[in-house]
Amino acid sequence: MTEPVTLEINLRVPDIRVGSPQDPVRRITNSDTRFWKAITVSVLPKVGVDLELSTSTYAFHATVERLEWHDDKNCFVAACQYAKRSMTSEEYESLRADPDWTRRPLLSGH
């Protein structure tokens, strides 16, 4: 029997368009932002595998693009891409407002 492993998710989400019939559409660019969350898994995922992740209001899939050990964090970090090509403003807001997910800008120069 294996012990559970803590895995930090580094999630890239697509840009989204926000607007209503009364307001002009505006674009939220997410290329320089990632969402982070620590989860516990029974087995480390392989690159290319879809993980089911969630906020407090909905579940979604993300594809593991890279898996690396980080000595400074003493855990594995999985760089993941939101599995769908687009995200609704409701899904984005749910992710942004969820207390378990942290939104962090990418560091410049990396």
Protein backbone atom coordinates (compact mmCIF):
# COMPACT_ATOMS: atom_id res chain seq x y z
CA MET A 1 0.00 0.00 0.00
CA THR A 2 1.42 3.39 -0.97
CA GLU A 3 1.23 6.53 1.07
CA PRO A 4 -0.65 9.56 -0.26
CA VAL A 5 1.53 12.17 -1.94
CA THR A 6 1.07 15.94 -1.77
CA LEU A 7 1.09 17.45 -5.24
CA GLU A 8 1.07 21.15 -6.01
CA ILE A 9 -0.96 22.03 -9.10
CA ASN A 10 0.30 24.90 -11.27
CA LEU A 11 -2.68 25.49 -13.57
CA ARG A 12 -2.69 27.48 -16.79
CA VAL A 13 -6.14 28.56 -17.93
CA PRO A 14 -7.22 30.06 -21.27
CA ASP A 15 -7.92 33.73 -21.84
CA ILE A 16 -11.59 34.50 -21.42
CA ARG A 17 -14.03 37.03 -22.80
CA VAL A 18 -16.34 38.82 -20.40
CA GLY A 19 -19.26 40.99 -21.37
CA SER A 20 -22.98 41.41 -21.49
CA PRO A 21 -25.43 42.87 -24.00
CA GLN A 22 -25.09 46.23 -22.21
CA ASP A 23 -21.28 46.22 -21.88
CA PRO A 24 -18.57 45.84 -24.50
CA VAL A 25 -16.74 42.51 -24.48
CA ARG A 26 -13.38 42.62 -22.75
CA ARG A 27 -10.68 39.99 -22.70
CA ILE A 28 -8.98 38.70 -19.55
CA THR A 29 -5.50 37.53 -20.51
CA ASN A 30 -4.18 34.67 -18.40
CA SER A 31 -0.91 33.91 -20.21
CA ASP A 32 1.11 35.54 -17.41
CA THR A 33 -0.91 34.09 -14.51
CA ARG A 34 -1.21 30.64 -12.94
CA PHE A 35 -3.56 29.19 -10.37
CA TRP A 36 -2.05 27.06 -7.58
CA LYS A 37 -3.54 24.46 -5.28
CA ALA A 38 -2.12 21.63 -3.17
CA ILE A 39 -3.90 18.29 -3.52
CA THR A 40 -3.27 14.79 -2.20
CA VAL A 41 -3.02 11.92 -4.68
CA SER A 42 -2.52 8.20 -4.19
CA VAL A 43 -0.29 7.91 -7.29
CA LEU A 44 1.74 10.59 -9.07
CA PRO A 45 0.17 11.38 -12.45
CA LYS A 46 2.13 10.84 -15.65
CA VAL A 47 2.69 13.59 -18.21
CA GLY A 48 -0.21 13.66 -20.67
CA VAL A 49 -2.76 12.34 -18.17
CA ASP A 50 -5.94 14.29 -17.39
CA LEU A 51 -6.50 15.10 -13.73
CA GLU A 52 -9.93 15.90 -12.35
CA LEU A 53 -9.68 19.10 -10.31
CA SER A 54 -12.38 21.20 -8.71
CA THR A 55 -13.48 24.41 -7.13
CA SER A 56 -16.21 24.51 -4.50
CA THR A 57 -18.85 24.76 -7.26
CA TYR A 58 -17.65 22.69 -10.24
CA ALA A 59 -15.25 19.99 -11.39
CA PHE A 60 -13.02 20.26 -14.46
CA HIS A 61 -10.14 18.47 -16.14
CA ALA A 62 -6.56 19.59 -16.67
CA THR A 63 -3.78 17.87 -18.59
CA VAL A 64 -0.43 17.30 -16.85
CA GLU A 65 2.28 18.88 -19.02
CA ARG A 66 5.25 18.55 -16.67
CA LEU A 67 5.96 16.95 -13.28
CA GLU A 68 8.97 18.08 -11.25
CA TRP A 69 10.30 17.64 -7.71
CA HIS A 70 10.93 20.95 -5.89
CA ASP A 71 13.38 20.65 -2.99
CA ASP A 72 12.41 24.06 -1.60
CA LYS A 73 8.75 23.00 -1.34
CA ASN A 74 9.51 19.36 -0.48
CA CYS A 75 6.86 18.19 -2.95
CA PHE A 76 6.14 17.50 -6.59
CA VAL A 77 4.71 20.29 -8.75
CA ALA A 78 2.52 19.40 -11.72
CA ALA A 79 2.32 22.03 -14.45
CA CYS A 80 -1.17 21.55 -15.92
CA GLN A 81 -3.19 23.05 -18.76
CA TYR A 82 -6.97 23.53 -18.50
CA ALA A 83 -8.28 20.71 -20.71
CA LYS A 84 -10.90 22.68 -22.67
CA ARG A 85 -10.00 25.37 -25.20
CA SER A 86 -12.25 27.91 -23.52
CA MET A 87 -13.62 28.72 -20.09
CA THR A 88 -16.84 30.51 -19.23
CA SER A 89 -16.75 33.64 -17.10
CA GLU A 90 -18.69 31.71 -14.42
CA GLU A 91 -16.05 28.94 -14.36
CA TYR A 92 -13.27 31.52 -14.23
CA GLU A 93 -14.92 33.45 -11.41
CA SER A 94 -15.47 30.23 -9.46
CA LEU A 95 -11.76 29.42 -9.76
CA ARG A 96 -10.70 32.97 -8.88
CA ALA A 97 -12.99 33.15 -5.84
CA ASP A 98 -12.25 29.68 -4.46
CA PRO A 99 -10.20 29.93 -1.23
CA ASP A 100 -8.29 26.72 -2.03
CA TRP A 101 -6.87 28.16 -5.27
CA THR A 102 -4.27 30.95 -5.27
CA ARG A 103 -3.79 33.18 -8.31
CA ARG A 104 -0.14 34.11 -8.86
CA PRO A 105 1.54 36.11 -11.61
CA LEU A 106 4.46 34.50 -13.40
CA LEU A 107 7.79 35.92 -12.36
CA SER A 108 9.35 38.08 -15.05
CA GLY A 109 12.60 36.84 -16.50
CA HIS A 110 11.71 33.13 -16.13
